[in-house]
Amino acid sequence: MTKSKQDKYYQLELRTIITERSVELLPRDYKDFKDEVIRRQREKLINSCPYFHEDTVREFYANAYPISFDETTRTSWVRGMQVNYDAASLRRHLHINLDLIEEMRKEIKRRMKDVSLTVTAKSTIHS
């Protein structure tokens, strides 16, 4: 660990780690939410980890902190093990389907176009 990373770790020791929080869904909201979680293939994200090791979390963030402003590496080190947290690695770990992401992007663009057409049509009518 470099001197700057050690300094960052000591700075992080002074900070409180805020754990994930649970939310309680109302019965009327649950089905839509559940369906959306399944559609986006995010089932792994539903249950939070019941425990964590503060030292490990701090070590990850201290080593992930960029040394310079132009650093774009998305790699950290924890207990001598390399941890990649770039977009592709996170998608692999979470089993996120790229085709589904592209489908969602197209759907968002389509909806934005529909909204734009509706706004244009209304403004033309009222002119």
C-alpha atoms as a PDB file:
ATOM      1  CA  MET A   1       0.000   0.000   0.000  1.00  0.00           C
ATOM      2  CA  THR A   2       1.398   3.388  -0.964  1.00  0.00           C
ATOM      3  CA  LYS A   3       1.763   6.242   1.519  1.00  0.00           C
ATOM      4  CA  SER A   4      -1.173   8.122  -0.063  1.00  0.00           C
ATOM      5  CA  LYS A   5      -3.384   5.030   0.179  1.00  0.00           C
ATOM      6  CA  GLN A   6      -2.388   4.555   3.844  1.00  0.00           C
ATOM      7  CA  ASP A   7      -3.239   8.195   4.536  1.00  0.00           C
ATOM      8  CA  LYS A   8      -6.614   7.714   2.836  1.00  0.00           C
ATOM      9  CA  TYR A   9      -7.271   4.625   4.983  1.00  0.00           C
ATOM     10  CA  TYR A  10      -6.537   6.608   8.166  1.00  0.00           C
ATOM     11  CA  GLN A  11      -8.886   9.367   6.981  1.00  0.00           C
ATOM     12  CA  LEU A  12     -11.596   6.768   6.366  1.00  0.00           C
ATOM     13  CA  GLU A  13     -11.138   5.387   9.890  1.00  0.00           C
ATOM     14  CA  LEU A  14     -12.586   8.644  11.194  1.00  0.00           C
ATOM     15  CA  ARG A  15     -15.755   8.238   9.136  1.00  0.00           C
ATOM     16  CA  THR A  16     -18.812   6.214  10.061  1.00  0.00           C
ATOM     17  CA  ILE A  17     -19.878   3.525   7.626  1.00  0.00           C
ATOM     18  CA  ILE A  18     -23.594   3.694   6.965  1.00  0.00           C
ATOM     19  CA  THR A  19     -25.076   0.263   6.348  1.00  0.00           C
ATOM     20  CA  GLU A  20     -27.793  -0.552   3.843  1.00  0.00           C
ATOM     21  CA  ARG A  21     -31.303   0.115   5.005  1.00  0.00           C
ATOM     22  CA  SER A  22     -34.405  -1.966   4.550  1.00  0.00           C
ATOM     23  CA  VAL A  23     -37.666  -0.583   3.259  1.00  0.00           C
ATOM     24  CA  GLU A  24     -41.134  -1.909   3.803  1.00  0.00           C
ATOM     25  CA  LEU A  25     -43.357  -1.920   0.753  1.00  0.00           C
ATOM     26  CA  LEU A  26     -47.113  -1.531   0.915  1.00  0.00           C
ATOM     27  CA  PRO A  27     -49.055  -4.476  -0.524  1.00  0.00           C
ATOM     28  CA  ARG A  28     -50.375  -2.353  -3.421  1.00  0.00           C
ATOM     29  CA  ASP A  29     -46.798  -1.416  -4.423  1.00  0.00           C
ATOM     30  CA  TYR A  30     -45.148  -4.776  -4.040  1.00  0.00           C
ATOM     31  CA  LYS A  31     -46.274  -6.571  -7.215  1.00  0.00           C
ATOM     32  CA  ASP A  32     -45.237  -3.758  -9.566  1.00  0.00           C
ATOM     33  CA  PHE A  33     -41.909  -3.398  -7.777  1.00  0.00           C
ATOM     34  CA  LYS A  34     -41.287  -7.155  -7.763  1.00  0.00           C
ATOM     35  CA  ASP A  35     -42.130  -7.405 -11.470  1.00  0.00           C
ATOM     36  CA  GLU A  36     -39.730  -4.564 -12.269  1.00  0.00           C
ATOM     37  CA  VAL A  37     -36.927  -6.141 -10.205  1.00  0.00           C
ATOM     38  CA  ILE A  38     -37.387  -9.411 -12.094  1.00  0.00           C
ATOM     39  CA  ARG A  39     -37.611  -7.640 -15.477  1.00  0.00           C
ATOM     40  CA  ARG A  40     -34.328  -5.841 -14.789  1.00  0.00           C
ATOM     41  CA  GLN A  41     -32.746  -9.053 -13.432  1.00  0.00           C
ATOM     42  CA  ARG A  42     -31.894  -7.432 -10.080  1.00  0.00           C
ATOM     43  CA  GLU A  43     -32.995 -10.248  -7.761  1.00  0.00           C
ATOM     44  CA  LYS A  44     -29.480 -10.470  -6.269  1.00  0.00           C
ATOM     45  CA  LEU A  45     -29.823  -6.901  -5.002  1.00  0.00           C
ATOM     46  CA  ILE A  46     -33.005  -7.465  -2.990  1.00  0.00           C
ATOM     47  CA  ASN A  47     -31.454  -8.867   0.175  1.00  0.00           C
ATOM     48  CA  SER A  48     -28.663  -6.912   1.784  1.00  0.00           C
ATOM     49  CA  CYS A  49     -25.667  -8.571   3.359  1.00  0.00           C
ATOM     50  CA  PRO A  50     -26.406  -9.268   7.050  1.00  0.00           C
ATOM     51  CA  TYR A  51     -22.866  -8.289   8.125  1.00  0.00           C
ATOM     52  CA  PHE A  52     -19.760  -6.575   6.846  1.00  0.00           C
ATOM     53  CA  HIS A  53     -16.214  -5.973   8.026  1.00  0.00           C
ATOM     54  CA  GLU A  54     -15.485  -2.276   8.461  1.00  0.00           C
ATOM     55  CA  ASP A  55     -11.736  -2.727   7.930  1.00  0.00           C
ATOM     56  CA  THR A  56     -12.346  -4.501   4.616  1.00  0.00           C
ATOM     57  CA  VAL A  57     -14.722  -1.767   3.425  1.00  0.00           C
ATOM     58  CA  ARG A  58     -12.213   0.941   4.347  1.00  0.00           C
ATOM     59  CA  GLU A  59      -9.370  -0.926   2.655  1.00  0.00           C
ATOM     60  CA  PHE A  60     -11.429  -1.240  -0.544  1.00  0.00           C
ATOM     61  CA  TYR A  61     -12.247   2.482  -0.620  1.00  0.00           C
ATOM     62  CA  ALA A  62      -8.729   3.572   0.341  1.00  0.00           C
ATOM     63  CA  ASN A  63      -7.260   1.537  -2.539  1.00  0.00           C
ATOM     64  CA  ALA A  64     -10.031   2.530  -4.963  1.00  0.00           C
ATOM     65  CA  TYR A  65      -9.434   6.229  -4.340  1.00  0.00           C
ATOM     66  CA  PRO A  66      -7.658   7.640  -7.414  1.00  0.00           C
ATOM     67  CA  ILE A  67      -4.143   8.945  -6.883  1.00  0.00           C
ATOM     68  CA  SER A  68      -4.509  11.545  -9.633  1.00  0.00           C
ATOM     69  CA  PHE A  69      -7.467  13.276 -11.255  1.00  0.00           C
ATOM     70  CA  ASP A  70      -6.831  11.667 -14.654  1.00  0.00           C
ATOM     71  CA  GLU A  71      -6.767   8.115 -13.277  1.00  0.00           C
ATOM     72  CA  THR A  72      -9.615   6.069 -14.759  1.00  0.00           C
ATOM     73  CA  THR A  73      -8.744   2.614 -13.407  1.00  0.00           C
ATOM     74  CA  ARG A  74     -11.634   0.885 -11.700  1.00  0.00           C
ATOM     75  CA  THR A  75      -9.564  -1.576  -9.684  1.00  0.00           C
ATOM     76  CA  SER A  76      -8.971  -1.822  -5.967  1.00  0.00           C
ATOM     77  CA  TRP A  77      -7.066  -4.211  -3.733  1.00  0.00           C
ATOM     78  CA  VAL A  78      -8.362  -5.912  -0.602  1.00  0.00           C
ATOM     79  CA  ARG A  79      -6.187  -8.264   1.459  1.00  0.00           C
ATOM     80  CA  GLY A  80      -3.841  -8.636  -1.518  1.00  0.00           C
ATOM     81  CA  MET A  81      -6.664  -9.577  -3.913  1.00  0.00           C
ATOM     82  CA  GLN A  82      -7.487  -7.467  -6.954  1.00  0.00           C
ATOM     83  CA  VAL A  83     -11.115  -6.277  -7.111  1.00  0.00           C
ATOM     84  CA  ASN A  84     -12.362  -4.874 -10.423  1.00  0.00           C
ATOM     85  CA  TYR A  85     -15.387  -2.604 -10.182  1.00  0.00           C
ATOM     86  CA  ASP A  86     -15.659  -1.375 -13.758  1.00  0.00           C
ATOM     87  CA  ALA A  87     -19.068  -1.543 -15.462  1.00  0.00           C
ATOM     88  CA  ALA A  88     -18.364  -4.831 -17.256  1.00  0.00           C
ATOM     89  CA  SER A  89     -17.185  -6.551 -14.048  1.00  0.00           C
ATOM     90  CA  LEU A  90     -20.241  -5.380 -12.119  1.00  0.00           C
ATOM     91  CA  ARG A  91     -22.576  -6.555 -14.906  1.00  0.00           C
ATOM     92  CA  ARG A  92     -20.896  -9.985 -14.880  1.00  0.00           C
ATOM     93  CA  HIS A  93     -21.095 -10.267 -11.105  1.00  0.00           C
ATOM     94  CA  LEU A  94     -24.755  -9.214 -11.011  1.00  0.00           C
ATOM     95  CA  HIS A  95     -25.635 -11.265 -14.124  1.00  0.00           C
ATOM     96  CA  ILE A  96     -27.013  -8.207 -15.905  1.00  0.00           C
ATOM     97  CA  ASN A  97     -28.004  -8.938 -19.476  1.00  0.00           C
ATOM     98  CA  LEU A  98     -26.677  -6.310 -21.926  1.00  0.00           C
ATOM     99  CA  ASP A  99     -29.518  -7.063 -24.351  1.00  0.00           C
ATOM    100  CA  LEU A 100     -31.989  -6.114 -21.623  1.00  0.00           C
ATOM    101  CA  ILE A 101     -30.121  -2.851 -20.995  1.00  0.00           C
ATOM    102  CA  GLU A 102     -30.225  -2.006 -24.698  1.00  0.00           C
ATOM    103  CA  GLU A 103     -33.932  -2.871 -24.803  1.00  0.00           C
ATOM    104  CA  MET A 104     -34.537  -0.528 -21.845  1.00  0.00           C
ATOM    105  CA  ARG A 105     -32.588   2.285 -23.561  1.00  0.00           C
ATOM    106  CA  LYS A 106     -34.695   1.900 -26.702  1.00  0.00           C
ATOM    107  CA  GLU A 107     -37.884   1.945 -24.628  1.00  0.00           C
ATOM    108  CA  ILE A 108     -36.777   5.143 -22.850  1.00  0.00           C
ATOM    109  CA  LYS A 109     -35.954   6.812 -26.183  1.00  0.00           C
ATOM    110  CA  ARG A 110     -39.326   5.748 -27.599  1.00  0.00           C
ATOM    111  CA  ARG A 111     -41.169   7.144 -24.586  1.00  0.00           C
ATOM    112  CA  MET A 112     -39.219  10.405 -24.741  1.00  0.00           C
ATOM    113  CA  LYS A 113     -40.086  10.712 -28.432  1.00  0.00           C
ATOM    114  CA  ASP A 114     -43.774  10.068 -27.645  1.00  0.00           C
ATOM    115  CA  VAL A 115     -43.708  12.766 -24.962  1.00  0.00           C
ATOM    116  CA  SER A 116     -41.990  15.178 -27.337  1.00  0.00           C
ATOM    117  CA  LEU A 117     -44.593  14.522 -30.051  1.00  0.00           C
ATOM    118  CA  THR A 118     -47.417  15.012 -27.544  1.00  0.00           C
ATOM    119  CA  VAL A 119     -45.970  18.313 -26.339  1.00  0.00           C
ATOM    120  CA  THR A 120     -45.420  19.502 -29.927  1.00  0.00           C
ATOM    121  CA  ALA A 121     -48.948  18.482 -30.938  1.00  0.00           C
ATOM    122  CA  LYS A 122     -50.480  20.314 -27.945  1.00  0.00           C
ATOM    123  CA  SER A 123     -48.450  23.451 -28.584  1.00  0.00           C
ATOM    124  CA  THR A 124     -49.475  23.405 -32.260  1.00  0.00           C
ATOM    125  CA  ILE A 125     -53.160  23.062 -31.362  1.00  0.00           C
ATOM    126  CA  HIS A 126     -53.033  25.931 -28.862  1.00  0.00           C
ATOM    127  CA  SER A 127     -51.081  28.274 -31.141  1.00  0.00           C
END
